[in-house]
Amino acid sequence: MRIRSGIWLLALAATGCQTIYEEIPGGTSASVAGGPRDVPIVVTQVPTPTPSAPSATPTPAATPTPAATPTPSAPASTPTPTPRPTPTPTPSSSVPIHHIRVGFFGFNCPASITPPRNGEGILPVACRGLVTATPKDSRGDDIPADVHGPNIHWSLDAGGSATMSDSKMSTFNKNLDGVRPGSFSLCATVKGVTGCLNGSVVYR
């Protein structure tokens, strides 16, 4: 016997469920677990997923615009220094020479002779006396060399008792050597002012 089967589909809703009835051949109702002849089979329709809209493409963060490099201002002009006036040299004081002191300031003698003191005014035979001339003002103070100048004139009156020679120290110094006993006068003149050392050559 050919079995016919019929399936009725009832549409419950567009997204609802479907109920399927199955007819048993010969009009005999099939008993399913003691239920009625028409056994509904519930089929759940799986809704077709609606494709979601593609996620928005993230907007890239804006690249910060670099700050403009400040244009350096023109350097301030260097002020031109004002030249300082050249000081006028002060002229040397014209302190007048009051007198010239001429005297011994040392002796070179053989070991056997005791040198005299500088102020004694004596020169032992065979000794060399070191003489200096110093211009003085009215108070007895030394006059600076830049005031009295470098010029000096020496003269010796000794009658052969002593001889004079130049000193390597200064033109204002002289060497006086004792030759034999006797007197001597050694004079120095600076700017018209003359001073003398009057002494004696002696044996000691």
N, C-alpha and C. Protein backbone atom coordinates (compact mmCIF):
# COMPACT_ATOMS: atom_id res chain seq x y z
N MET A 1 0.86 -1.16 0.00
CA MET A 1 0.00 0.00 0.00
C MET A 1 0.91 1.23 0.00
N ARG A 2 0.59 2.21 -0.87
CA ARG A 2 1.44 3.41 -0.95
C ARG A 2 1.07 4.39 0.14
N ILE A 3 2.06 4.81 0.77
CA ILE A 3 1.86 5.74 1.90
C ILE A 3 1.90 7.15 1.39
N ARG A 4 0.85 7.84 1.72
CA ARG A 4 0.86 9.28 1.38
C ARG A 4 1.07 10.08 2.67
N SER A 5 1.73 11.00 2.49
CA SER A 5 1.95 11.87 3.65
C SER A 5 1.75 13.32 3.27
N GLY A 6 1.25 14.04 4.11
CA GLY A 6 1.03 15.48 3.85
C GLY A 6 1.59 16.33 4.97
N ILE A 7 2.12 17.36 4.58
CA ILE A 7 2.74 18.27 5.58
C ILE A 7 2.15 19.64 5.38
N TRP A 8 1.52 20.07 6.41
CA TRP A 8 0.97 21.46 6.36
C TRP A 8 1.85 22.39 7.19
N LEU A 9 2.13 23.42 6.52
CA LEU A 9 3.02 24.41 7.18
C LEU A 9 2.22 25.65 7.50
N LEU A 10 2.14 25.93 8.71
CA LEU A 10 1.44 27.14 9.16
C LEU A 10 2.48 28.19 9.55
N ALA A 11 2.35 29.26 8.90
CA ALA A 11 3.30 30.36 9.24
C ALA A 11 2.75 31.15 10.41
N LEU A 12 3.39 31.09 11.50
CA LEU A 12 2.92 31.80 12.69
C LEU A 12 3.32 33.28 12.64
N ALA A 13 4.51 33.52 12.22
CA ALA A 13 4.96 34.90 12.11
C ALA A 13 6.26 34.94 11.33
N ALA A 14 6.68 36.10 10.94
CA ALA A 14 7.89 36.19 10.11
C ALA A 14 9.08 35.71 10.89
N THR A 15 9.08 35.95 12.16
CA THR A 15 10.22 35.49 12.98
C THR A 15 9.74 34.55 14.05
N GLY A 16 8.49 33.92 13.87
CA GLY A 16 7.91 33.05 14.88
C GLY A 16 8.30 31.62 14.70
N CYS A 17 7.38 30.68 15.06
CA CYS A 17 7.66 29.24 15.01
C CYS A 17 6.80 28.59 13.93
N GLN A 18 7.13 27.42 13.50
CA GLN A 18 6.40 26.61 12.52
C GLN A 18 5.89 25.34 13.20
N THR A 19 4.61 24.98 12.93
CA THR A 19 4.02 23.74 13.46
C THR A 19 3.79 22.77 12.33
N ILE A 20 4.30 21.59 12.45
CA ILE A 20 4.21 20.56 11.39
C ILE A 20 3.34 19.42 11.90
N TYR A 21 2.32 19.07 11.13
CA TYR A 21 1.45 17.93 11.44
C TYR A 21 1.73 16.82 10.48
N GLU A 22 1.79 15.63 10.95
CA GLU A 22 2.04 14.45 10.10
C GLU A 22 0.88 13.47 10.23
N GLU A 23 0.31 13.11 9.09
CA GLU A 23 -0.85 12.20 9.07
C GLU A 23 -0.37 10.78 8.87
N ILE A 24 -0.86 9.88 9.72
CA ILE A 24 -0.47 8.47 9.64
C ILE A 24 -1.32 7.81 8.57
N PRO A 25 -0.74 6.99 7.71
CA PRO A 25 -1.49 6.28 6.65
C PRO A 25 -2.63 5.47 7.27
N GLY A 26 -3.80 5.43 6.43
CA GLY A 26 -4.96 4.63 6.81
C GLY A 26 -5.80 5.29 7.84
N GLY A 27 -5.53 6.54 8.07
CA GLY A 27 -6.33 7.26 9.05
C GLY A 27 -6.06 6.86 10.44
N THR A 28 -5.09 6.07 10.65
CA THR A 28 -4.76 5.63 12.01
C THR A 28 -3.86 6.66 12.63
N SER A 29 -4.28 7.04 13.78
CA SER A 29 -3.46 8.05 14.48
C SER A 29 -2.35 7.36 15.23
N ALA A 30 -1.20 7.91 15.02
CA ALA A 30 -0.05 7.38 15.75
C ALA A 30 -0.01 7.99 17.12
N SER A 31 0.24 7.15 18.03
CA SER A 31 0.31 7.63 19.40
C SER A 31 1.75 7.86 19.77
N VAL A 32 1.98 9.11 20.08
CA VAL A 32 3.35 9.44 20.50
C VAL A 32 3.30 9.77 21.97
N ALA A 33 3.86 8.87 22.72
CA ALA A 33 3.91 9.06 24.18
C ALA A 33 2.54 9.34 24.72
N GLY A 34 1.48 8.56 24.18
CA GLY A 34 0.13 8.67 24.71
C GLY A 34 -0.57 9.92 24.29
N GLY A 35 -0.10 10.66 23.37
CA GLY A 35 -0.68 11.92 22.97
C GLY A 35 -1.66 11.72 21.86
N PRO A 36 -2.24 12.76 21.30
CA PRO A 36 -3.22 12.68 20.20
C PRO A 36 -2.57 12.23 18.93
N ARG A 37 -3.43 11.95 17.91
CA ARG A 37 -2.91 11.40 16.68
C ARG A 37 -2.08 12.40 15.93
N ASP A 38 -2.53 13.64 16.01
CA ASP A 38 -1.71 14.65 15.35
C ASP A 38 -0.73 15.21 16.37
N VAL A 39 0.52 14.88 16.20
CA VAL A 39 1.57 15.34 17.16
C VAL A 39 2.26 16.58 16.59
N PRO A 40 2.04 17.63 17.20
CA PRO A 40 2.74 18.83 16.68
C PRO A 40 4.24 18.78 16.99
N ILE A 41 4.97 19.09 15.99
CA ILE A 41 6.44 19.19 16.15
C ILE A 41 6.81 20.66 16.02
N VAL A 42 7.34 21.12 17.06
CA VAL A 42 7.69 22.56 17.11
C VAL A 42 9.11 22.74 16.61
N VAL A 43 9.20 23.55 15.57
CA VAL A 43 10.52 23.88 15.02
C VAL A 43 10.79 25.37 15.26
N THR A 44 11.84 25.62 15.92
CA THR A 44 12.20 27.03 16.20
C THR A 44 12.99 27.59 15.05
N GLN A 45 12.44 28.64 14.49
CA GLN A 45 13.14 29.26 13.36
C GLN A 45 14.25 30.15 13.91
N VAL A 46 15.47 29.89 13.44
CA VAL A 46 16.63 30.70 13.86
C VAL A 46 16.63 31.97 13.05
N PRO A 47 16.46 33.06 13.67
CA PRO A 47 16.43 34.30 12.90
C PRO A 47 17.76 34.56 12.20
N THR A 48 17.58 35.00 10.97
CA THR A 48 18.79 35.32 10.21
C THR A 48 19.43 36.57 10.79
N PRO A 49 20.66 36.42 11.20
CA PRO A 49 21.29 37.60 11.82
C PRO A 49 21.43 38.74 10.83
N THR A 50 21.02 39.86 11.29
CA THR A 50 21.19 41.06 10.45
C THR A 50 22.64 41.50 10.53
N PRO A 51 23.25 41.58 9.35
CA PRO A 51 24.69 41.98 9.41
C PRO A 51 24.83 43.35 10.04
N SER A 52 25.67 43.37 11.01
CA SER A 52 25.89 44.66 11.70
C SER A 52 26.68 45.59 10.81
N ALA A 53 26.38 46.80 11.03
CA ALA A 53 27.11 47.80 10.24
C ALA A 53 28.60 47.75 10.58
N PRO A 54 29.39 47.84 9.57
CA PRO A 54 30.84 47.81 9.85
C PRO A 54 31.21 48.93 10.82
N SER A 55 32.09 48.53 11.71
CA SER A 55 32.52 49.53 12.70
C SER A 55 33.20 50.69 11.99
N ALA A 56 32.92 51.79 12.56
CA ALA A 56 33.48 52.99 11.94
C ALA A 56 35.00 52.98 12.01
N THR A 57 35.56 53.37 10.89
CA THR A 57 37.03 53.44 10.87
C THR A 57 37.48 54.55 11.81
N PRO A 58 38.33 54.20 12.78
CA PRO A 58 38.74 55.24 13.73
C PRO A 58 39.47 56.38 13.04
N THR A 59 39.06 57.53 13.41
CA THR A 59 39.72 58.71 12.83
C THR A 59 41.08 58.89 13.48
N PRO A 60 42.13 58.92 12.67
CA PRO A 60 43.47 59.07 13.29
C PRO A 60 43.59 60.41 14.00
N ALA A 61 44.31 60.35 15.09
CA ALA A 61 44.51 61.59 15.85
C ALA A 61 45.26 62.59 15.01
N ALA A 62 44.84 63.80 15.12
CA ALA A 62 45.47 64.84 14.32
C ALA A 62 46.91 65.05 14.77
N THR A 63 47.78 65.13 13.77
CA THR A 63 49.19 65.37 14.10
C THR A 63 49.35 66.81 14.54
N PRO A 64 49.90 67.02 15.76
CA PRO A 64 50.02 68.41 16.23
C PRO A 64 50.96 69.20 15.34
N THR A 65 50.54 70.37 15.03
CA THR A 65 51.37 71.24 14.21
C THR A 65 52.51 71.79 15.06
N PRO A 66 53.77 71.55 14.64
CA PRO A 66 54.88 72.04 15.47
C PRO A 66 54.86 73.55 15.57
N ALA A 67 55.23 74.00 16.76
CA ALA A 67 55.25 75.44 16.99
C ALA A 67 56.30 76.09 16.11
N ALA A 68 55.98 77.22 15.59
CA ALA A 68 56.90 77.90 14.71
C ALA A 68 58.14 78.34 15.48
N THR A 69 59.30 78.12 14.87
CA THR A 69 60.54 78.53 15.52
C THR A 69 60.60 80.04 15.55
N PRO A 70 60.75 80.63 16.77
CA PRO A 70 60.77 82.10 16.84
C PRO A 70 61.97 82.67 16.12
N THR A 71 61.73 83.68 15.36
CA THR A 71 62.82 84.33 14.64
C THR A 71 63.62 85.17 15.63
N PRO A 72 64.94 84.87 15.76
CA PRO A 72 65.71 85.64 16.74
C PRO A 72 65.75 87.10 16.35
N SER A 73 65.58 87.90 17.37
CA SER A 73 65.61 89.33 17.12
C SER A 73 67.04 89.77 16.87
N ALA A 74 67.17 90.83 16.15
CA ALA A 74 68.51 91.34 15.84
C ALA A 74 69.21 91.74 17.12
N PRO A 75 70.50 91.33 17.29
CA PRO A 75 71.21 91.69 18.53
C PRO A 75 71.34 93.20 18.66
N ALA A 76 71.25 93.60 19.92
CA ALA A 76 71.38 95.03 20.18
C ALA A 76 72.77 95.50 19.79
N SER A 77 72.83 96.60 19.19
CA SER A 77 74.12 97.11 18.74
C SER A 77 74.98 97.46 19.94
N THR A 78 76.27 97.08 19.83
CA THR A 78 77.20 97.37 20.92
C THR A 78 77.54 98.84 20.91
N PRO A 79 77.31 99.50 22.03
CA PRO A 79 77.60 100.95 22.03
C PRO A 79 79.09 101.20 21.85
N THR A 80 79.38 102.17 21.05
CA THR A 80 80.78 102.53 20.83
C THR A 80 81.33 103.21 22.07
N PRO A 81 82.41 102.61 22.65
CA PRO A 81 82.94 103.22 23.88
C PRO A 81 83.47 104.61 23.61
N THR A 82 83.18 105.47 24.54
CA THR A 82 83.67 106.84 24.43
C THR A 82 85.14 106.88 24.83
N PRO A 83 86.00 107.32 23.94
CA PRO A 83 87.43 107.32 24.30
C PRO A 83 87.69 108.21 25.50
N ARG A 84 88.49 107.67 26.39
CA ARG A 84 88.84 108.44 27.57
C ARG A 84 89.92 109.46 27.23
N PRO A 85 89.81 110.62 27.76
CA PRO A 85 90.86 111.61 27.46
C PRO A 85 92.18 111.18 28.06
N THR A 86 93.23 111.38 27.29
CA THR A 86 94.56 111.04 27.78
C THR A 86 94.97 112.05 28.84
N PRO A 87 95.26 111.54 30.04
CA PRO A 87 95.62 112.50 31.09
C PRO A 87 96.91 113.23 30.77
N THR A 88 96.92 114.47 31.04
CA THR A 88 98.12 115.27 30.82
C THR A 88 99.10 115.01 31.95
N PRO A 89 100.32 114.59 31.60
CA PRO A 89 101.28 114.30 32.69
C PRO A 89 101.53 115.52 33.54
N THR A 90 101.55 115.27 34.83
CA THR A 90 101.80 116.35 35.77
C THR A 90 103.28 116.73 35.71
N PRO A 91 103.55 117.94 35.49
CA PRO A 91 104.98 118.31 35.42
C PRO A 91 105.67 118.06 36.75
N SER A 92 106.94 117.71 36.65
CA SER A 92 107.71 117.44 37.87
C SER A 92 107.78 118.69 38.73
N SER A 93 107.77 118.39 40.02
CA SER A 93 107.84 119.51 40.95
C SER A 93 109.19 120.22 40.80
N SER A 94 109.15 121.48 40.79
CA SER A 94 110.39 122.26 40.65
C SER A 94 110.92 122.65 42.03
N VAL A 95 111.12 121.60 42.86
CA VAL A 95 111.65 121.86 44.20
C VAL A 95 113.11 122.30 44.05
N PRO A 96 113.46 123.45 44.54
CA PRO A 96 114.85 123.92 44.40
C PRO A 96 115.81 123.11 45.26
N ILE A 97 116.99 122.91 44.72
CA ILE A 97 118.03 122.21 45.48
C ILE A 97 118.61 123.19 46.50
N HIS A 98 118.53 122.80 47.76
CA HIS A 98 119.06 123.68 48.82
C HIS A 98 120.55 123.45 49.02
N HIS A 99 120.95 122.17 49.03
CA HIS A 99 122.36 121.84 49.17
C HIS A 99 122.61 120.42 48.65
N ILE A 100 123.88 120.09 48.46
CA ILE A 100 124.28 118.75 48.01
C ILE A 100 125.09 118.12 49.14
N ARG A 101 124.65 116.95 49.57
CA ARG A 101 125.42 116.22 50.58
C ARG A 101 126.35 115.26 49.86
N VAL A 102 127.64 115.34 50.10
CA VAL A 102 128.65 114.44 49.53
C VAL A 102 129.32 113.74 50.70
N GLY A 103 129.28 112.37 50.69
CA GLY A 103 129.85 111.65 51.81
C GLY A 103 130.13 110.19 51.48
N PHE A 104 130.90 109.57 52.37
CA PHE A 104 131.19 108.13 52.21
C PHE A 104 129.94 107.31 52.58
N PHE A 105 129.75 106.17 51.87
CA PHE A 105 128.70 105.22 52.27
C PHE A 105 129.25 103.80 52.40
N GLY A 106 130.62 103.70 52.33
CA GLY A 106 131.24 102.39 52.51
C GLY A 106 132.71 102.44 52.17
N PHE A 107 133.45 101.35 52.57
CA PHE A 107 134.89 101.27 52.32
C PHE A 107 135.26 99.84 51.91
N ASN A 108 136.27 99.75 51.05
CA ASN A 108 136.88 98.46 50.72
C ASN A 108 138.35 98.56 51.14
N CYS A 109 138.70 97.80 52.20
CA CYS A 109 140.05 97.87 52.76
C CYS A 109 140.66 96.47 52.82
N PRO A 110 142.02 96.39 52.85
CA PRO A 110 142.66 95.10 53.07
C PRO A 110 142.25 94.54 54.44
N ALA A 111 142.44 93.24 54.60
CA ALA A 111 142.01 92.59 55.84
C ALA A 111 142.75 93.13 57.07
N SER A 112 143.92 93.66 56.85
CA SER A 112 144.72 94.15 57.99
C SER A 112 144.29 95.53 58.46
N ILE A 113 143.42 96.22 57.73
CA ILE A 113 143.02 97.58 58.08
C ILE A 113 141.54 97.60 58.48
N THR A 114 141.28 98.25 59.59
CA THR A 114 139.89 98.38 60.04
C THR A 114 139.28 99.60 59.35
N PRO A 115 138.19 99.46 58.62
CA PRO A 115 137.57 100.61 57.92
C PRO A 115 137.02 101.61 58.93
N PRO A 116 137.08 102.90 58.61
CA PRO A 116 136.51 103.92 59.51
C PRO A 116 134.99 103.98 59.36
N ARG A 117 134.36 104.78 60.22
CA ARG A 117 132.92 105.00 60.08
C ARG A 117 132.68 105.97 58.92
N ASN A 118 131.49 105.89 58.32
CA ASN A 118 131.22 106.70 57.13
C ASN A 118 131.31 108.20 57.41
N GLY A 119 130.91 108.62 58.59
CA GLY A 119 130.87 110.06 58.86
C GLY A 119 132.16 110.65 59.39
N GLU A 120 133.23 109.88 59.54
CA GLU A 120 134.49 110.41 60.10
C GLU A 120 135.22 111.31 59.13
N GLY A 121 134.99 111.13 57.85
CA GLY A 121 135.67 111.99 56.85
C GLY A 121 137.12 111.63 56.65
N ILE A 122 137.56 110.40 56.98
CA ILE A 122 138.94 109.99 56.76
C ILE A 122 138.96 108.77 55.84
N LEU A 123 140.09 108.69 55.10
CA LEU A 123 140.26 107.57 54.15
C LEU A 123 141.63 106.95 54.41
N PRO A 124 141.67 105.70 54.91
CA PRO A 124 142.97 105.06 55.15
C PRO A 124 143.72 104.82 53.84
N VAL A 125 145.04 104.92 53.92
CA VAL A 125 145.87 104.60 52.75
C VAL A 125 145.63 103.13 52.41
N ALA A 126 145.58 102.84 51.11
CA ALA A 126 145.33 101.50 50.58
C ALA A 126 143.86 101.08 50.65
N CYS A 127 143.00 101.99 51.09
CA CYS A 127 141.56 101.69 51.11
C CYS A 127 140.86 102.46 50.00
N ARG A 128 139.72 101.96 49.59
CA ARG A 128 138.87 102.66 48.61
C ARG A 128 137.60 103.09 49.32
N GLY A 129 137.35 104.39 49.23
CA GLY A 129 136.13 104.91 49.80
C GLY A 129 135.05 105.06 48.73
N LEU A 130 133.82 104.65 49.06
CA LEU A 130 132.68 104.76 48.13
C LEU A 130 131.91 106.00 48.49
N VAL A 131 131.84 106.95 47.52
CA VAL A 131 131.27 108.27 47.78
C VAL A 131 129.99 108.45 46.96
N THR A 132 129.01 109.15 47.55
CA THR A 132 127.77 109.47 46.84
C THR A 132 127.41 110.92 47.05
N ALA A 133 126.70 111.51 46.08
CA ALA A 133 126.22 112.89 46.16
C ALA A 133 124.69 112.86 46.14
N THR A 134 124.06 113.54 47.11
CA THR A 134 122.60 113.53 47.23
C THR A 134 122.07 114.96 47.30
N PRO A 135 121.28 115.39 46.30
CA PRO A 135 120.66 116.72 46.39
C PRO A 135 119.60 116.75 47.48
N LYS A 136 119.56 117.84 48.28
CA LYS A 136 118.64 117.97 49.40
C LYS A 136 117.82 119.26 49.25
N ASP A 137 116.59 119.20 49.84
CA ASP A 137 115.78 120.43 49.87
C ASP A 137 116.06 121.18 51.17
N SER A 138 115.33 122.25 51.42
CA SER A 138 115.59 123.09 52.59
C SER A 138 115.31 122.38 53.91
N ARG A 139 114.50 121.30 53.87
CA ARG A 139 114.21 120.55 55.10
C ARG A 139 115.18 119.41 55.31
N GLY A 140 116.12 119.22 54.36
CA GLY A 140 117.08 118.14 54.48
C GLY A 140 116.61 116.84 53.86
N ASP A 141 115.43 116.86 53.18
CA ASP A 141 114.91 115.65 52.53
C ASP A 141 115.53 115.47 51.15
N ASP A 142 115.68 114.19 50.76
CA ASP A 142 116.22 113.89 49.43
C ASP A 142 115.27 114.39 48.34
N ILE A 143 115.84 114.98 47.31
CA ILE A 143 115.04 115.40 46.15
C ILE A 143 115.02 114.24 45.15
N PRO A 144 113.82 113.84 44.65
CA PRO A 144 113.75 112.71 43.72
C PRO A 144 114.61 112.94 42.48
N ALA A 145 115.09 111.84 41.92
CA ALA A 145 115.98 111.91 40.76
C ALA A 145 115.29 112.54 39.56
N ASP A 146 113.92 112.31 39.41
CA ASP A 146 113.24 112.88 38.25
C ASP A 146 113.06 114.39 38.39
N VAL A 147 113.39 114.93 39.58
CA VAL A 147 113.33 116.37 39.79
C VAL A 147 114.69 117.00 39.54
N HIS A 148 115.74 116.44 40.15
CA HIS A 148 117.06 117.06 39.98
C HIS A 148 117.76 116.64 38.69
N GLY A 149 117.26 115.56 38.04
CA GLY A 149 117.84 115.16 36.75
C GLY A 149 119.10 114.32 36.89
N PRO A 150 119.64 113.84 35.74
CA PRO A 150 120.80 112.93 35.78
C PRO A 150 122.16 113.62 35.71
N ASN A 151 122.17 114.90 35.49
CA ASN A 151 123.45 115.57 35.25
C ASN A 151 124.12 115.97 36.57
N ILE A 152 125.40 115.64 36.64
CA ILE A 152 126.21 115.98 37.82
C ILE A 152 127.66 116.18 37.37
N HIS A 153 128.31 117.08 38.05
CA HIS A 153 129.73 117.35 37.74
C HIS A 153 130.56 117.14 39.01
N TRP A 154 131.66 116.34 38.83
CA TRP A 154 132.54 116.02 39.96
C TRP A 154 133.90 116.71 39.76
N SER A 155 134.49 117.03 40.92
CA SER A 155 135.85 117.59 40.88
C SER A 155 136.60 117.17 42.16
N LEU A 156 137.93 116.94 42.02
CA LEU A 156 138.74 116.49 43.18
C LEU A 156 139.95 117.40 43.33
N ASP A 157 140.10 117.88 44.53
CA ASP A 157 141.30 118.63 44.89
C ASP A 157 141.95 117.88 46.04
N ALA A 158 143.01 117.06 45.74
CA ALA A 158 143.60 116.19 46.76
C ALA A 158 145.10 116.37 46.88
N GLY A 159 145.73 117.06 45.96
CA GLY A 159 147.19 117.26 46.04
C GLY A 159 147.94 115.94 45.94
N GLY A 160 147.36 114.94 45.31
CA GLY A 160 148.04 113.67 45.14
C GLY A 160 147.82 112.69 46.27
N SER A 161 147.03 113.11 47.26
CA SER A 161 146.79 112.18 48.37
C SER A 161 145.74 111.11 48.05
N ALA A 162 144.94 111.38 47.02
CA ALA A 162 143.87 110.42 46.64
C ALA A 162 143.58 110.55 45.15
N THR A 163 143.02 109.52 44.59
CA THR A 163 142.62 109.51 43.19
C THR A 163 141.13 109.17 43.10
N MET A 164 140.49 109.68 42.04
CA MET A 164 139.05 109.45 41.85
C MET A 164 138.81 108.60 40.59
N SER A 165 137.80 107.73 40.65
CA SER A 165 137.40 106.91 39.49
C SER A 165 135.87 106.77 39.48
N ASP A 166 135.37 106.40 38.28
CA ASP A 166 133.90 106.24 38.13
C ASP A 166 133.39 104.99 38.82
N SER A 167 132.20 105.07 39.29
CA SER A 167 131.53 103.90 39.91
C SER A 167 130.60 103.27 38.88
N LYS A 168 130.48 101.96 38.93
CA LYS A 168 129.55 101.24 38.05
C LYS A 168 128.10 101.35 38.54
N MET A 169 127.91 101.86 39.74
CA MET A 169 126.57 101.91 40.32
C MET A 169 125.75 103.06 39.74
N SER A 170 126.32 104.27 39.68
CA SER A 170 125.59 105.45 39.24
C SER A 170 126.56 106.59 38.99
N THR A 171 126.13 107.57 38.16
CA THR A 171 126.96 108.75 37.95
C THR A 171 126.99 109.62 39.19
N PHE A 172 126.07 109.38 40.12
CA PHE A 172 126.05 110.13 41.37
C PHE A 172 126.93 109.46 42.43
N ASN A 173 127.69 108.44 42.02
CA ASN A 173 128.64 107.77 42.92
C ASN A 173 130.04 107.85 42.32
N LYS A 174 131.04 107.88 43.20
CA LYS A 174 132.44 107.89 42.78
C LYS A 174 133.27 107.01 43.71
N ASN A 175 134.40 106.54 43.18
CA ASN A 175 135.36 105.78 43.99
C ASN A 175 136.54 106.71 44.30
N LEU A 176 136.94 106.72 45.59
CA LEU A 176 138.07 107.55 46.00
C LEU A 176 139.10 106.65 46.68
N ASP A 177 140.31 106.57 46.10
CA ASP A 177 141.36 105.68 46.62
C ASP A 177 142.44 106.51 47.35
N GLY A 178 142.74 106.03 48.62
CA GLY A 178 143.79 106.71 49.40
C GLY A 178 145.18 106.31 48.93
N VAL A 179 146.02 107.32 48.61
CA VAL A 179 147.36 107.05 48.08
C VAL A 179 148.44 107.32 49.16
N ARG A 180 148.38 108.46 49.79
CA ARG A 180 149.34 108.83 50.85
C ARG A 180 148.64 109.82 51.77
N PRO A 181 149.18 110.01 52.94
CA PRO A 181 148.52 110.92 53.88
C PRO A 181 148.45 112.33 53.31
N GLY A 182 147.30 112.98 53.59
CA GLY A 182 147.11 114.35 53.11
C GLY A 182 145.61 114.67 53.13
N SER A 183 145.29 115.89 52.79
CA SER A 183 143.88 116.31 52.75
C SER A 183 143.34 116.21 51.32
N PHE A 184 142.06 116.23 51.26
CA PHE A 184 141.40 116.19 49.94
C PHE A 184 140.07 116.93 50.03
N SER A 185 139.55 117.33 48.84
CA SER A 185 138.23 117.95 48.75
C SER A 185 137.58 117.42 47.46
N LEU A 186 136.55 116.61 47.68
CA LEU A 186 135.81 116.01 46.56
C LEU A 186 134.45 116.70 46.49
N CYS A 187 134.16 117.37 45.34
CA CYS A 187 132.94 118.17 45.21
C CYS A 187 132.06 117.68 44.06
N ALA A 188 130.72 117.88 44.23
CA ALA A 188 129.74 117.52 43.20
C ALA A 188 128.82 118.72 42.99
N THR A 189 128.50 119.02 41.72
CA THR A 189 127.64 120.15 41.39
C THR A 189 126.43 119.65 40.59
N VAL A 190 125.21 120.01 41.06
CA VAL A 190 123.96 119.65 40.38
C VAL A 190 123.11 120.91 40.27
N LYS A 191 122.78 121.29 39.01
CA LYS A 191 121.95 122.46 38.73
C LYS A 191 122.48 123.72 39.44
N GLY A 192 123.79 123.85 39.38
CA GLY A 192 124.42 125.08 39.92
C GLY A 192 124.66 125.06 41.40
N VAL A 193 124.26 123.99 42.08
CA VAL A 193 124.47 123.89 43.52
C VAL A 193 125.60 122.89 43.76
N THR A 194 126.58 123.30 44.57
CA THR A 194 127.76 122.46 44.79
C THR A 194 127.86 122.05 46.25
N GLY A 195 128.23 120.77 46.44
CA GLY A 195 128.49 120.25 47.78
C GLY A 195 129.81 119.53 47.77
N CYS A 196 130.55 119.52 48.90
CA CYS A 196 131.88 118.92 48.92
C CYS A 196 132.07 118.01 50.15
N LEU A 197 132.96 117.02 49.96
CA LEU A 197 133.43 116.16 51.05
C LEU A 197 134.90 116.55 51.30
N ASN A 198 135.13 117.18 52.44
CA ASN A 198 136.49 117.60 52.79
C ASN A 198 137.01 116.61 53.85
N GLY A 199 138.08 115.88 53.53
CA GLY A 199 138.60 114.88 54.44
C GLY A 199 140.08 114.73 54.37
N SER A 200 140.55 113.63 54.99
CA SER A 200 141.99 113.38 55.05
C SER A 200 142.28 111.92 54.75
N VAL A 201 143.45 111.72 54.11
CA VAL A 201 143.96 110.37 53.89
C VAL A 201 144.96 110.11 55.01
N VAL A 202 144.82 108.96 55.70
CA VAL A 202 145.66 108.68 56.86
C VAL A 202 146.14 107.23 56.82
N TYR A 203 147.19 107.02 57.65
CA TYR A 203 147.61 105.64 57.87
C TYR A 203 146.81 105.07 59.03
N ARG A 204 146.51 103.74 58.94
CA ARG A 204 145.80 103.09 60.06
C ARG A 204 146.39 101.72 60.28
